[in-house]
Amino acid sequence: MIKIMLSRKLGELRVTQADLARRTGIRPTTINELYHELCGRVSLEHLDLICEALDCDLDEILVRLPNKTEVEEEQHSKRKEDKRKKTQIHC
């Protein structure tokens, strides 16, 4: 499973989502979706802009974790799908 660790990184640096949006030119809505891990896809260009703005490496923003058991993954996927249906987001 891939985790987007943007919320943690912004907290460490005490940078707001609005500040990051201004620094990168990425829409605030997209930053918010990344922050809350609501994206199924992430633009490589956006990742590059974020890393540049925060002066960090990609492994500080994205982390791969071992996959959960099938039951845990199914529950997690259902929660994420429910959120996606509500928002219909593309990052």
C-alpha atoms as a PDB file:
ATOM      1  CA  MET A   1       0.000   0.000   0.000  1.00  0.00           C
ATOM      2  CA  ILE A   2       1.229   3.482  -0.837  1.00  0.00           C
ATOM      3  CA  LYS A   3       0.696   6.195   1.789  1.00  0.00           C
ATOM      4  CA  ILE A   4       0.808   9.903   1.050  1.00  0.00           C
ATOM      5  CA  MET A   5       2.609  11.510   3.986  1.00  0.00           C
ATOM      6  CA  LEU A   6       2.017  15.129   2.992  1.00  0.00           C
ATOM      7  CA  SER A   7       0.099  15.975   6.168  1.00  0.00           C
ATOM      8  CA  ARG A   8       3.003  14.824   8.331  1.00  0.00           C
ATOM      9  CA  LYS A   9       5.586  16.677   6.235  1.00  0.00           C
ATOM     10  CA  LEU A  10       3.611  19.925   6.261  1.00  0.00           C
ATOM     11  CA  GLY A  11       3.195  19.611  10.027  1.00  0.00           C
ATOM     12  CA  GLU A  12       6.930  19.052  10.528  1.00  0.00           C
ATOM     13  CA  LEU A  13       7.730  22.140   8.476  1.00  0.00           C
ATOM     14  CA  ARG A  14       4.791  24.156   9.837  1.00  0.00           C
ATOM     15  CA  VAL A  15       3.630  24.892   6.314  1.00  0.00           C
ATOM     16  CA  THR A  16      -0.079  25.285   5.601  1.00  0.00           C
ATOM     17  CA  GLN A  17      -1.893  23.745   2.672  1.00  0.00           C
ATOM     18  CA  ALA A  18      -2.570  27.272   1.375  1.00  0.00           C
ATOM     19  CA  ASP A  19       1.144  28.129   1.563  1.00  0.00           C
ATOM     20  CA  LEU A  20       2.021  24.982  -0.374  1.00  0.00           C
ATOM     21  CA  ALA A  21      -0.603  25.753  -3.006  1.00  0.00           C
ATOM     22  CA  ARG A  22       0.868  29.245  -3.465  1.00  0.00           C
ATOM     23  CA  ARG A  23       4.447  27.948  -3.645  1.00  0.00           C
ATOM     24  CA  THR A  24       3.653  25.238  -6.184  1.00  0.00           C
ATOM     25  CA  GLY A  25       0.804  26.662  -8.230  1.00  0.00           C
ATOM     26  CA  ILE A  26      -1.181  23.488  -7.531  1.00  0.00           C
ATOM     27  CA  ARG A  27      -4.888  24.052  -6.878  1.00  0.00           C
ATOM     28  CA  PRO A  28      -5.686  24.226  -3.141  1.00  0.00           C
ATOM     29  CA  THR A  29      -8.335  21.529  -3.639  1.00  0.00           C
ATOM     30  CA  THR A  30      -5.717  19.163  -5.043  1.00  0.00           C
ATOM     31  CA  ILE A  31      -3.349  19.877  -2.137  1.00  0.00           C
ATOM     32  CA  ASN A  32      -6.214  19.139   0.271  1.00  0.00           C
ATOM     33  CA  GLU A  33      -6.989  15.850  -1.468  1.00  0.00           C
ATOM     34  CA  LEU A  34      -3.350  14.795  -1.223  1.00  0.00           C
ATOM     35  CA  TYR A  35      -3.200  15.949   2.401  1.00  0.00           C
ATOM     36  CA  HIS A  36      -6.183  13.734   3.311  1.00  0.00           C
ATOM     37  CA  GLU A  37      -5.061  10.833   1.079  1.00  0.00           C
ATOM     38  CA  LEU A  38      -8.205  10.912  -1.042  1.00  0.00           C
ATOM     39  CA  CYS A  39      -6.384  10.482  -4.364  1.00  0.00           C
ATOM     40  CA  GLY A  40      -6.190   7.277  -6.332  1.00  0.00           C
ATOM     41  CA  ARG A  41      -3.712   8.844  -8.751  1.00  0.00           C
ATOM     42  CA  VAL A  42      -1.022  11.447  -8.255  1.00  0.00           C
ATOM     43  CA  SER A  43       0.618  13.570 -10.929  1.00  0.00           C
ATOM     44  CA  LEU A  44       4.383  13.163 -11.171  1.00  0.00           C
ATOM     45  CA  GLU A  45       4.586  16.859 -11.956  1.00  0.00           C
ATOM     46  CA  HIS A  46       2.732  17.673  -8.738  1.00  0.00           C
ATOM     47  CA  LEU A  47       5.036  15.433  -6.715  1.00  0.00           C
ATOM     48  CA  ASP A  48       8.044  17.159  -8.262  1.00  0.00           C
ATOM     49  CA  LEU A  49       6.634  20.622  -7.496  1.00  0.00           C
ATOM     50  CA  ILE A  50       5.840  19.633  -3.907  1.00  0.00           C
ATOM     51  CA  CYS A  51       9.295  18.167  -3.303  1.00  0.00           C
ATOM     52  CA  GLU A  52      10.875  21.293  -4.784  1.00  0.00           C
ATOM     53  CA  ALA A  53       8.744  23.631  -2.652  1.00  0.00           C
ATOM     54  CA  LEU A  54       9.350  21.675   0.561  1.00  0.00           C
ATOM     55  CA  ASP A  55      13.014  20.948  -0.237  1.00  0.00           C
ATOM     56  CA  CYS A  56      12.522  17.246   0.418  1.00  0.00           C
ATOM     57  CA  ASP A  57      12.930  13.885  -1.267  1.00  0.00           C
ATOM     58  CA  LEU A  58      10.060  11.843  -2.643  1.00  0.00           C
ATOM     59  CA  ASP A  59      10.469   9.197   0.074  1.00  0.00           C
ATOM     60  CA  GLU A  60       9.477  11.854   2.617  1.00  0.00           C
ATOM     61  CA  ILE A  61       6.126  12.304   0.848  1.00  0.00           C
ATOM     62  CA  LEU A  62       5.312   8.774  -0.369  1.00  0.00           C
ATOM     63  CA  VAL A  63       5.840   5.590   1.628  1.00  0.00           C
ATOM     64  CA  ARG A  64       5.135   1.998   0.655  1.00  0.00           C
ATOM     65  CA  LEU A  65       3.793  -0.160   3.472  1.00  0.00           C
ATOM     66  CA  PRO A  66       3.232  -3.917   3.398  1.00  0.00           C
ATOM     67  CA  ASN A  67      -0.245  -4.821   2.246  1.00  0.00           C
ATOM     68  CA  LYS A  68      -2.823  -5.558   4.931  1.00  0.00           C
ATOM     69  CA  THR A  69      -4.664  -8.830   5.274  1.00  0.00           C
ATOM     70  CA  GLU A  70      -7.472  -9.317   2.771  1.00  0.00           C
ATOM     71  CA  VAL A  71     -10.196  -8.454   5.305  1.00  0.00           C
ATOM     72  CA  GLU A  72      -8.448  -5.285   6.488  1.00  0.00           C
ATOM     73  CA  GLU A  73      -7.745  -4.243   2.905  1.00  0.00           C
ATOM     74  CA  GLU A  74     -11.341  -4.841   1.872  1.00  0.00           C
ATOM     75  CA  GLN A  75     -12.620  -2.687   4.757  1.00  0.00           C
ATOM     76  CA  HIS A  76     -10.095   0.040   3.983  1.00  0.00           C
ATOM     77  CA  SER A  77     -10.945  -0.028   0.268  1.00  0.00           C
ATOM     78  CA  LYS A  78     -14.658   0.234   1.000  1.00  0.00           C
ATOM     79  CA  ARG A  79     -14.107   3.303   3.220  1.00  0.00           C
ATOM     80  CA  LYS A  80     -11.913   4.941   0.562  1.00  0.00           C
ATOM     81  CA  GLU A  81     -14.411   4.112  -2.185  1.00  0.00           C
ATOM     82  CA  ASP A  82     -17.231   5.629  -0.135  1.00  0.00           C
ATOM     83  CA  LYS A  83     -15.188   8.819   0.265  1.00  0.00           C
ATOM     84  CA  ARG A  84     -14.363   8.876  -3.462  1.00  0.00           C
ATOM     85  CA  LYS A  85     -18.002   8.470  -4.422  1.00  0.00           C
ATOM     86  CA  LYS A  86     -18.882  11.466  -2.295  1.00  0.00           C
ATOM     87  CA  THR A  87     -16.205  13.684  -3.791  1.00  0.00           C
ATOM     88  CA  GLN A  88     -15.384  12.269  -7.278  1.00  0.00           C
ATOM     89  CA  ILE A  89     -11.785  13.501  -7.167  1.00  0.00           C
ATOM     90  CA  HIS A  90      -8.959  13.319  -9.725  1.00  0.00           C
ATOM     91  CA  CYS A  91      -5.586  14.705  -8.662  1.00  0.00           C
END
